[in-house]
């Protein structure tokens, strides 16, 4: 299983959608709340050069926003 990290905030609708997508597909992930964790925020910016969330890291492949199709392809999920 690929390691997945999602950088999110509690109020982000797209973050919630991404987490629900992972849960629905039984895909484990690490969630880092960048609104409360400055180290995670800096890590996210370093990886994506973005301030917007979600930023999803799948084994070093970075997705900014909830790109369902791109994430599905990266994980080999058939829709």
PDB file of N, CA and C in Angstrom:
ATOM      1  N   UNK A   1       0.849  -1.189   0.000  1.00  0.00           N
ATOM      2  CA  UNK A   1       0.000   0.000   0.000  1.00  0.00           C
ATOM      3  C   UNK A   1       0.884   1.239   0.000  1.00  0.00           C
ATOM      4  N   UNK A   2       0.528   2.203  -0.821  1.00  0.00           N
ATOM      5  CA  UNK A   2       1.286   3.444  -0.908  1.00  0.00           C
ATOM      6  C   UNK A   2       1.017   4.322   0.311  1.00  0.00           C
ATOM      7  N   UNK A   3       2.059   5.035   0.751  1.00  0.00           N
ATOM      8  CA  UNK A   3       1.902   5.954   1.874  1.00  0.00           C
ATOM      9  C   UNK A   3       1.242   7.232   1.373  1.00  0.00           C
ATOM     10  N   UNK A   4       0.186   7.639   2.065  1.00  0.00           N
ATOM     11  CA  UNK A   4      -0.577   8.831   1.688  1.00  0.00           C
ATOM     12  C   UNK A   4      -0.606   9.795   2.867  1.00  0.00           C
ATOM     13  N   UNK A   5      -0.268  11.046   2.576  1.00  0.00           N
ATOM     14  CA  UNK A   5      -0.375  12.110   3.570  1.00  0.00           C
ATOM     15  C   UNK A   5      -1.292  13.175   2.976  1.00  0.00           C
ATOM     16  N   UNK A   6      -2.287  13.583   3.752  1.00  0.00           N
ATOM     17  CA  UNK A   6      -3.147  14.684   3.325  1.00  0.00           C
ATOM     18  C   UNK A   6      -2.935  15.846   4.297  1.00  0.00           C
ATOM     19  N   UNK A   7      -2.636  17.002   3.727  1.00  0.00           N
ATOM     20  CA  UNK A   7      -2.494  18.242   4.494  1.00  0.00           C
ATOM     21  C   UNK A   7      -3.817  18.960   4.346  1.00  0.00           C
ATOM     22  N   UNK A   8      -4.460  19.224   5.470  1.00  0.00           N
ATOM     23  CA  UNK A   8      -5.833  19.721   5.432  1.00  0.00           C
ATOM     24  C   UNK A   8      -6.100  20.719   6.547  1.00  0.00           C
ATOM     25  N   UNK A   9      -7.323  21.259   6.519  1.00  0.00           N
ATOM     26  CA  UNK A   9      -7.844  22.062   7.622  1.00  0.00           C
ATOM     27  C   UNK A   9      -9.231  21.521   7.957  1.00  0.00           C
ATOM     28  N   UNK A  10      -9.689  21.726   9.181  1.00  0.00           N
ATOM     29  CA  UNK A  10     -10.992  21.184   9.590  1.00  0.00           C
ATOM     30  C   UNK A  10     -12.183  21.761   8.824  1.00  0.00           C
ATOM     31  N   UNK A  11     -12.053  22.954   8.267  1.00  0.00           N
ATOM     32  CA  UNK A  11     -13.189  23.597   7.612  1.00  0.00           C
ATOM     33  C   UNK A  11     -13.198  23.434   6.090  1.00  0.00           C
ATOM     34  N   UNK A  12     -12.209  22.761   5.548  1.00  0.00           N
ATOM     35  CA  UNK A  12     -12.065  22.622   4.096  1.00  0.00           C
ATOM     36  C   UNK A  12     -12.982  21.530   3.546  1.00  0.00           C
ATOM     37  N   UNK A  13     -13.908  21.912   2.674  1.00  0.00           N
ATOM     38  CA  UNK A  13     -14.865  20.977   2.081  1.00  0.00           C
ATOM     39  C   UNK A  13     -14.148  19.941   1.213  1.00  0.00           C
ATOM     40  N   UNK A  14     -13.176  20.384   0.419  1.00  0.00           N
ATOM     41  CA  UNK A  14     -12.469  19.450  -0.463  1.00  0.00           C
ATOM     42  C   UNK A  14     -11.593  18.478   0.339  1.00  0.00           C
ATOM     43  N   UNK A  15     -11.092  18.937   1.477  1.00  0.00           N
ATOM     44  CA  UNK A  15     -10.336  18.047   2.363  1.00  0.00           C
ATOM     45  C   UNK A  15     -11.254  16.934   2.866  1.00  0.00           C
ATOM     46  N   UNK A  16     -12.457  17.308   3.280  1.00  0.00           N
ATOM     47  CA  UNK A  16     -13.428  16.315   3.760  1.00  0.00           C
ATOM     48  C   UNK A  16     -13.783  15.332   2.651  1.00  0.00           C
ATOM     49  N   UNK A  17     -13.953  15.838   1.432  1.00  0.00           N
ATOM     50  CA  UNK A  17     -14.267  14.964   0.302  1.00  0.00           C
ATOM     51  C   UNK A  17     -13.130  13.965   0.059  1.00  0.00           C
ATOM     52  N   UNK A  18     -11.905  14.437   0.128  1.00  0.00           N
ATOM     53  CA  UNK A  18     -10.751  13.563  -0.090  1.00  0.00           C
ATOM     54  C   UNK A  18     -10.682  12.484   0.994  1.00  0.00           C
ATOM     55  N   UNK A  19     -10.877  12.876   2.240  1.00  0.00           N
ATOM     56  CA  UNK A  19     -10.830  11.908   3.347  1.00  0.00           C
ATOM     57  C   UNK A  19     -11.961  10.885   3.220  1.00  0.00           C
ATOM     58  N   UNK A  20     -13.140  11.335   2.822  1.00  0.00           N
ATOM     59  CA  UNK A  20     -14.261  10.412   2.612  1.00  0.00           C
ATOM     60  C   UNK A  20     -13.959   9.444   1.468  1.00  0.00           C
ATOM     61  N   UNK A  21     -13.318   9.933   0.411  1.00  0.00           N
ATOM     62  CA  UNK A  21     -12.923   9.095  -0.715  1.00  0.00           C
ATOM     63  C   UNK A  21     -11.968   7.999  -0.249  1.00  0.00           C
ATOM     64  N   UNK A  22     -10.959   8.379   0.538  1.00  0.00           N
ATOM     65  CA  UNK A  22     -10.009   7.384   1.045  1.00  0.00           C
ATOM     66  C   UNK A  22     -10.714   6.376   1.955  1.00  0.00           C
ATOM     67  N   UNK A  23     -11.583   6.854   2.837  1.00  0.00           N
ATOM     68  CA  UNK A  23     -12.304   5.960   3.754  1.00  0.00           C
ATOM     69  C   UNK A  23     -13.206   4.999   2.983  1.00  0.00           C
ATOM     70  N   UNK A  24     -13.930   5.507   1.995  1.00  0.00           N
ATOM     71  CA  UNK A  24     -14.835   4.678   1.189  1.00  0.00           C
ATOM     72  C   UNK A  24     -14.079   3.561   0.472  1.00  0.00           C
ATOM     73  N   UNK A  25     -12.849   3.854   0.066  1.00  0.00           N
ATOM     74  CA  UNK A  25     -12.036   2.887  -0.651  1.00  0.00           C
ATOM     75  C   UNK A  25     -11.069   2.122   0.265  1.00  0.00           C
ATOM     76  N   UNK A  26     -11.273   2.252   1.590  1.00  0.00           N
ATOM     77  CA  UNK A  26     -10.454   1.555   2.587  1.00  0.00           C
ATOM     78  C   UNK A  26      -8.962   1.803   2.394  1.00  0.00           C
ATOM     79  N   UNK A  27      -8.615   3.062   2.154  1.00  0.00           N
ATOM     80  CA  UNK A  27      -7.230   3.453   1.930  1.00  0.00           C
ATOM     81  C   UNK A  27      -6.744   4.220   3.164  1.00  0.00           C
ATOM     82  N   UNK A  28      -5.751   3.676   3.868  1.00  0.00           N
ATOM     83  CA  UNK A  28      -5.233   4.391   5.044  1.00  0.00           C
ATOM     84  C   UNK A  28      -4.442   5.633   4.628  1.00  0.00           C
ATOM     85  N   UNK A  29      -4.521   6.658   5.463  1.00  0.00           N
ATOM     86  CA  UNK A  29      -3.803   7.902   5.181  1.00  0.00           C
ATOM     87  C   UNK A  29      -3.462   8.598   6.483  1.00  0.00           C
ATOM     88  N   UNK A  30      -2.447   9.442   6.428  1.00  0.00           N
ATOM     89  CA  UNK A  30      -2.090  10.308   7.550  1.00  0.00           C
ATOM     90  C   UNK A  30      -2.702  11.667   7.271  1.00  0.00           C
ATOM     91  N   UNK A  31      -3.325  12.239   8.289  1.00  0.00           N
ATOM     92  CA  UNK A  31      -3.939  13.561   8.150  1.00  0.00           C
ATOM     93  C   UNK A  31      -3.150  14.555   8.987  1.00  0.00           C
ATOM     94  N   UNK A  32      -2.690  15.634   8.356  1.00  0.00           N
ATOM     95  CA  UNK A  32      -1.969  16.695   9.056  1.00  0.00           C
ATOM     96  C   UNK A  32      -2.774  17.979   8.946  1.00  0.00           C
ATOM     97  N   UNK A  33      -3.216  18.485  10.096  1.00  0.00           N
ATOM     98  CA  UNK A  33      -4.005  19.716  10.166  1.00  0.00           C
ATOM     99  C   UNK A  33      -3.052  20.912  10.123  1.00  0.00           C
ATOM    100  N   UNK A  34      -2.968  21.559   8.977  1.00  0.00           N
ATOM    101  CA  UNK A  34      -2.024  22.667   8.817  1.00  0.00           C
ATOM    102  C   UNK A  34      -2.490  23.960   9.481  1.00  0.00           C
ATOM    103  N   UNK A  35      -3.737  23.973   9.952  1.00  0.00           N
ATOM    104  CA  UNK A  35      -4.197  25.160  10.683  1.00  0.00           C
ATOM    105  C   UNK A  35      -3.683  25.148  12.118  1.00  0.00           C
ATOM    106  N   UNK A  36      -3.323  23.977  12.618  1.00  0.00           N
ATOM    107  CA  UNK A  36      -2.870  23.854  13.998  1.00  0.00           C
ATOM    108  C   UNK A  36      -1.407  23.429  14.113  1.00  0.00           C
ATOM    109  N   UNK A  37      -0.818  22.955  13.033  1.00  0.00           N
ATOM    110  CA  UNK A  37       0.526  22.396  13.087  1.00  0.00           C
ATOM    111  C   UNK A  37       1.438  23.156  12.115  1.00  0.00           C
ATOM    112  N   UNK A  38       2.236  24.064  12.657  1.00  0.00           N
ATOM    113  CA  UNK A  38       3.110  24.900  11.826  1.00  0.00           C
ATOM    114  C   UNK A  38       4.144  24.055  11.077  1.00  0.00           C
ATOM    115  N   UNK A  39       4.671  23.023  11.706  1.00  0.00           N
ATOM    116  CA  UNK A  39       5.658  22.168  11.045  1.00  0.00           C
ATOM    117  C   UNK A  39       5.034  21.487   9.817  1.00  0.00           C
ATOM    118  N   UNK A  40       3.813  20.991   9.964  1.00  0.00           N
ATOM    119  CA  UNK A  40       3.109  20.352   8.843  1.00  0.00           C
ATOM    120  C   UNK A  40       2.827  21.377   7.751  1.00  0.00           C
ATOM    121  N   UNK A  41       2.479  22.595   8.132  1.00  0.00           N
ATOM    122  CA  UNK A  41       2.215  23.657   7.148  1.00  0.00           C
ATOM    123  C   UNK A  41       3.469  23.948   6.333  1.00  0.00           C
ATOM    124  N   UNK A  42       4.606  24.071   7.003  1.00  0.00           N
ATOM    125  CA  UNK A  42       5.867  24.328   6.306  1.00  0.00           C
ATOM    126  C   UNK A  42       6.235  23.161   5.385  1.00  0.00           C
ATOM    127  N   UNK A  43       5.996  21.943   5.861  1.00  0.00           N
ATOM    128  CA  UNK A  43       6.263  20.746   5.059  1.00  0.00           C
ATOM    129  C   UNK A  43       5.391  20.755   3.792  1.00  0.00           C
ATOM    130  N   UNK A  44       4.099  21.086   3.958  1.00  0.00           N
ATOM    131  CA  UNK A  44       3.162  21.148   2.839  1.00  0.00           C
ATOM    132  C   UNK A  44       3.614  22.187   1.808  1.00  0.00           C
ATOM    133  N   UNK A  45       3.986  23.370   2.270  1.00  0.00           N
ATOM    134  CA  UNK A  45       4.428  24.436   1.370  1.00  0.00           C
ATOM    135  C   UNK A  45       5.710  24.023   0.645  1.00  0.00           C
ATOM    136  N   UNK A  46       6.597  23.358   1.361  1.00  0.00           N
ATOM    137  CA  UNK A  46       7.835  22.884   0.743  1.00  0.00           C
ATOM    138  C   UNK A  46       7.577  21.881  -0.375  1.00  0.00           C
ATOM    139  N   UNK A  47       6.572  21.038  -0.194  1.00  0.00           N
ATOM    140  CA  UNK A  47       6.256  20.017  -1.202  1.00  0.00           C
ATOM    141  C   UNK A  47       5.467  20.585  -2.379  1.00  0.00           C
ATOM    142  N   UNK A  48       4.532  21.484  -2.102  1.00  0.00           N
ATOM    143  CA  UNK A  48       3.583  21.915  -3.129  1.00  0.00           C
ATOM    144  C   UNK A  48       3.796  23.351  -3.627  1.00  0.00           C
ATOM    145  N   UNK A  49       4.517  24.154  -2.850  1.00  0.00           N
ATOM    146  CA  UNK A  49       4.678  25.585  -3.146  1.00  0.00           C
ATOM    147  C   UNK A  49       3.316  26.280  -3.179  1.00  0.00           C
ATOM    148  N   UNK A  50       2.361  25.752  -2.409  1.00  0.00           N
ATOM    149  CA  UNK A  50       0.994  26.268  -2.362  1.00  0.00           C
ATOM    150  C   UNK A  50       0.579  26.491  -0.908  1.00  0.00           C
ATOM    151  N   UNK A  51      -0.361  27.389  -0.713  1.00  0.00           N
ATOM    152  CA  UNK A  51      -0.953  27.597   0.603  1.00  0.00           C
ATOM    153  C   UNK A  51      -2.334  26.962   0.701  1.00  0.00           C
ATOM    154  N   UNK A  52      -2.934  26.632  -0.442  1.00  0.00           N
ATOM    155  CA  UNK A  52      -4.282  26.053  -0.450  1.00  0.00           C
ATOM    156  C   UNK A  52      -4.267  24.592  -0.052  1.00  0.00           C
ATOM    157  N   UNK A  53      -5.379  24.146   0.504  1.00  0.00           N
ATOM    158  CA  UNK A  53      -5.552  22.745   0.893  1.00  0.00           C
ATOM    159  C   UNK A  53      -6.747  22.166   0.146  1.00  0.00           C
ATOM    160  N   UNK A  54      -6.840  20.880   0.012  1.00  0.00           N
ATOM    161  CA  UNK A  54      -5.875  19.894   0.489  1.00  0.00           C
ATOM    162  C   UNK A  54      -4.669  19.781  -0.436  1.00  0.00           C
ATOM    163  N   UNK A  55      -3.577  19.374   0.160  1.00  0.00           N
ATOM    164  CA  UNK A  55      -2.410  18.920  -0.590  1.00  0.00           C
ATOM    165  C   UNK A  55      -2.272  17.453  -0.216  1.00  0.00           C
ATOM    166  N   UNK A  56      -2.224  16.609  -1.221  1.00  0.00           N
ATOM    167  CA  UNK A  56      -2.173  15.168  -0.998  1.00  0.00           C
ATOM    168  C   UNK A  56      -0.866  14.639  -1.576  1.00  0.00           C
ATOM    169  N   UNK A  57      -0.112  13.952  -0.738  1.00  0.00           N
ATOM    170  CA  UNK A  57       1.184  13.380  -1.109  1.00  0.00           C
ATOM    171  C   UNK A  57       1.022  11.865  -1.167  1.00  0.00           C
ATOM    172  N   UNK A  58       1.133  11.303  -2.363  1.00  0.00           N
ATOM    173  CA  UNK A  58       1.058   9.856  -2.542  1.00  0.00           C
ATOM    174  C   UNK A  58       2.435   9.397  -2.993  1.00  0.00           C
ATOM    175  N   UNK A  59       3.230   8.927  -2.032  1.00  0.00           N
ATOM    176  CA  UNK A  59       4.583   8.445  -2.329  1.00  0.00           C
ATOM    177  C   UNK A  59       5.390   9.473  -3.121  1.00  0.00           C
ATOM    178  N   UNK A  60       5.267  10.753  -2.767  1.00  0.00           N
ATOM    179  CA  UNK A  60       6.037  11.796  -3.431  1.00  0.00           C
ATOM    180  C   UNK A  60       5.339  12.443  -4.621  1.00  0.00           C
ATOM    181  N   UNK A  61       4.220  11.868  -5.073  1.00  0.00           N
ATOM    182  CA  UNK A  61       3.429  12.496  -6.142  1.00  0.00           C
ATOM    183  C   UNK A  61       2.450  13.455  -5.468  1.00  0.00           C
ATOM    184  N   UNK A  62       2.532  14.731  -5.810  1.00  0.00           N
ATOM    185  CA  UNK A  62       1.772  15.767  -5.098  1.00  0.00           C
ATOM    186  C   UNK A  62       0.535  16.175  -5.900  1.00  0.00           C
ATOM    187  N   UNK A  63      -0.592  16.203  -5.203  1.00  0.00           N
ATOM    188  CA  UNK A  63      -1.856  16.672  -5.770  1.00  0.00           C
ATOM    189  C   UNK A  63      -2.313  17.873  -4.956  1.00  0.00           C
ATOM    190  N   UNK A  64      -2.584  18.974  -5.632  1.00  0.00           N
ATOM    191  CA  UNK A  64      -3.116  20.157  -4.961  1.00  0.00           C
ATOM    192  C   UNK A  64      -4.595  20.197  -5.286  1.00  0.00           C
ATOM    193  N   UNK A  65      -5.417  20.146  -4.245  1.00  0.00           N
ATOM    194  CA  UNK A  65      -6.856  20.047  -4.436  1.00  0.00           C
ATOM    195  C   UNK A  65      -7.258  18.577  -4.491  1.00  0.00           C
ATOM    196  N   UNK A  66      -8.556  18.342  -4.565  1.00  0.00           N
ATOM    197  CA  UNK A  66      -9.057  16.963  -4.617  1.00  0.00           C
ATOM    198  C   UNK A  66      -9.279  16.588  -6.076  1.00  0.00           C
ATOM    199  N   UNK A  67      -8.265  15.979  -6.659  1.00  0.00           N
ATOM    200  CA  UNK A  67      -8.309  15.514  -8.046  1.00  0.00           C
ATOM    201  C   UNK A  67      -8.666  14.025  -8.024  1.00  0.00           C
ATOM    202  N   UNK A  68      -9.963  13.738  -7.979  1.00  0.00           N
ATOM    203  CA  UNK A  68     -10.433  12.352  -7.843  1.00  0.00           C
ATOM    204  C   UNK A  68      -9.840  11.437  -8.914  1.00  0.00           C
ATOM    205  N   UNK A  69      -9.842  11.883 -10.153  1.00  0.00           N
ATOM    206  CA  UNK A  69      -9.341  11.047 -11.246  1.00  0.00           C
ATOM    207  C   UNK A  69      -7.830  10.811 -11.105  1.00  0.00           C
ATOM    208  N   UNK A  70      -7.077  11.853 -10.881  1.00  0.00           N
ATOM    209  CA  UNK A  70      -5.628  11.720 -10.738  1.00  0.00           C
ATOM    210  C   UNK A  70      -5.243  10.846  -9.557  1.00  0.00           C
ATOM    211  N   UNK A  71      -5.946  11.019  -8.442  1.00  0.00           N
ATOM    212  CA  UNK A  71      -5.668  10.211  -7.243  1.00  0.00           C
ATOM    213  C   UNK A  71      -6.043   8.757  -7.503  1.00  0.00           C
ATOM    214  N   UNK A  72      -7.174   8.538  -8.154  1.00  0.00           N
ATOM    215  CA  UNK A  72      -7.590   7.164  -8.489  1.00  0.00           C
ATOM    216  C   UNK A  72      -6.558   6.490  -9.364  1.00  0.00           C
ATOM    217  N   UNK A  73      -6.051   7.210 -10.365  1.00  0.00           N
ATOM    218  CA  UNK A  73      -5.026   6.648 -11.246  1.00  0.00           C
ATOM    219  C   UNK A  73      -3.747   6.344 -10.469  1.00  0.00           C
ATOM    220  N   UNK A  74      -3.336   7.251  -9.585  1.00  0.00           N
ATOM    221  CA  UNK A  74      -2.111   7.053  -8.810  1.00  0.00           C
ATOM    222  C   UNK A  74      -2.218   5.831  -7.889  1.00  0.00           C
ATOM    223  N   UNK A  75      -3.448   5.533  -7.455  1.00  0.00           N
ATOM    224  CA  UNK A  75      -3.664   4.425  -6.526  1.00  0.00           C
ATOM    225  C   UNK A  75      -4.160   3.154  -7.228  1.00  0.00           C
ATOM    226  N   UNK A  76      -4.384   3.239  -8.529  1.00  0.00           N
ATOM    227  CA  UNK A  76      -4.864   2.078  -9.264  1.00  0.00           C
ATOM    228  C   UNK A  76      -6.311   1.709  -8.947  1.00  0.00           C
ATOM    229  N   UNK A  77      -7.118   2.725  -8.628  1.00  0.00           N
ATOM    230  CA  UNK A  77      -8.530   2.503  -8.325  1.00  0.00           C
ATOM    231  C   UNK A  77      -9.336   2.652  -9.606  1.00  0.00           C
ATOM    232  N   UNK A  78     -10.145   1.660  -9.905  1.00  0.00           N
ATOM    233  CA  UNK A  78     -11.001   1.712 -11.087  1.00  0.00           C
ATOM    234  C   UNK A  78     -12.351   2.252 -10.664  1.00  0.00           C
ATOM    235  N   UNK A  79     -12.785   3.323 -11.317  1.00  0.00           N
ATOM    236  CA  UNK A  79     -14.077   3.941 -10.959  1.00  0.00           C
ATOM    237  C   UNK A  79     -15.204   3.267 -11.690  1.00  0.00           C
TER     238      UNK A  79
END
